[in-house]
Amino acid sequence: MGKLVCAVCGRPFPQGQGIALELAGKNLQFHNKDCAYRFLRQLVTEVDSDCISGQVKRLIDLYEERLNEAAKSKQKKI
């Protein structure tokens, strides 16, 4: 098993650990969630909002639906 290198900080880490994402045809490796978050936060803030507005709305709707379903399942049934 080889060592992987974090795309953000350059830290080497063992294969099987960390976070792996495939974006734009590239495999990105992050040694922990903080580096992955830093990368994704910068990506989202720098991309043109017109490009992602549809996806943002879809994800918000998806998570609102999940929250509503969870709230309904937690209600007491009389």
Protein backbone atom coordinates (compact mmCIF):
# COMPACT_ATOMS: atom_id res chain seq x y z
CA MET A 1 0.00 0.00 0.00
CA GLY A 2 1.40 3.33 -1.04
CA LYS A 3 1.17 6.73 0.49
CA LEU A 4 -1.24 9.31 -0.86
CA VAL A 5 -0.70 13.07 -0.72
CA CYS A 6 -3.33 15.55 0.45
CA ALA A 7 -4.35 17.93 -2.36
CA VAL A 8 -4.60 20.89 0.05
CA CYS A 9 -1.74 20.67 2.52
CA GLY A 10 0.56 18.12 0.87
CA ARG A 11 0.62 15.82 3.88
CA PRO A 12 1.28 12.16 3.02
CA PHE A 13 -1.16 9.62 4.45
CA PRO A 14 -1.78 5.87 4.05
CA GLN A 15 -4.08 4.54 1.37
CA GLY A 16 -7.49 3.63 2.81
CA GLN A 17 -7.59 6.68 5.04
CA GLY A 18 -8.74 10.21 4.32
CA ILE A 19 -11.36 11.39 1.84
CA ALA A 20 -11.33 10.69 -1.89
CA LEU A 21 -13.40 12.65 -4.41
CA GLU A 22 -13.58 12.57 -8.17
CA LEU A 23 -14.30 16.03 -9.57
CA ALA A 24 -13.95 17.15 -13.19
CA GLY A 25 -12.30 13.84 -14.06
CA LYS A 26 -9.60 14.24 -11.43
CA ASN A 27 -9.14 12.08 -8.35
CA LEU A 28 -8.60 14.29 -5.33
CA GLN A 29 -7.30 12.97 -2.01
CA PHE A 30 -7.61 14.78 1.32
CA HIS A 31 -5.99 13.53 4.51
CA ASN A 32 -8.87 14.71 6.72
CA LYS A 33 -12.26 16.41 6.65
CA ASP A 34 -10.80 19.84 7.40
CA CYS A 35 -8.74 19.86 4.20
CA ALA A 36 -11.69 18.52 2.18
CA TYR A 37 -13.92 21.22 3.68
CA ARG A 38 -11.37 23.95 2.94
CA PHE A 39 -11.12 22.84 -0.70
CA LEU A 40 -14.88 22.50 -1.22
CA ARG A 41 -15.66 25.80 0.52
CA GLN A 42 -13.24 27.64 -1.76
CA LEU A 43 -14.62 25.83 -4.81
CA VAL A 44 -18.20 26.81 -3.97
CA THR A 45 -17.35 30.44 -3.23
CA GLU A 46 -15.31 30.87 -6.42
CA VAL A 47 -17.67 29.19 -8.89
CA ASP A 48 -20.22 31.34 -10.75
CA SER A 49 -23.47 31.24 -8.79
CA ASP A 50 -25.48 30.78 -12.01
CA CYS A 51 -23.69 27.45 -12.54
CA ILE A 52 -24.70 25.95 -9.21
CA SER A 53 -27.95 27.69 -8.28
CA GLY A 54 -30.07 24.82 -9.63
CA GLN A 55 -28.08 22.22 -7.71
CA VAL A 56 -28.18 24.30 -4.52
CA LYS A 57 -31.96 24.59 -4.74
CA ARG A 58 -32.31 20.86 -5.43
CA LEU A 59 -30.12 19.93 -2.45
CA ILE A 60 -31.96 22.33 -0.13
CA ASP A 61 -35.27 20.77 -1.19
CA LEU A 62 -33.86 17.27 -0.69
CA TYR A 63 -32.63 17.98 2.83
CA GLU A 64 -35.83 19.82 3.79
CA GLU A 65 -37.81 16.78 2.65
CA ARG A 66 -35.59 14.47 4.72
CA LEU A 67 -36.00 16.68 7.78
CA ASN A 68 -39.78 16.72 7.34
CA GLU A 69 -39.87 12.93 7.01
CA ALA A 70 -37.72 12.54 10.13
CA ALA A 71 -39.99 14.91 12.07
CA LYS A 72 -43.08 12.98 10.97
CA SER A 73 -41.57 9.66 12.02
CA LYS A 74 -40.73 11.07 15.47
CA GLN A 75 -44.29 12.26 16.13
CA LYS A 76 -46.28 10.19 18.58
CA LYS A 77 -48.99 8.16 16.96
CA ILE A 78 -52.14 8.00 19.02
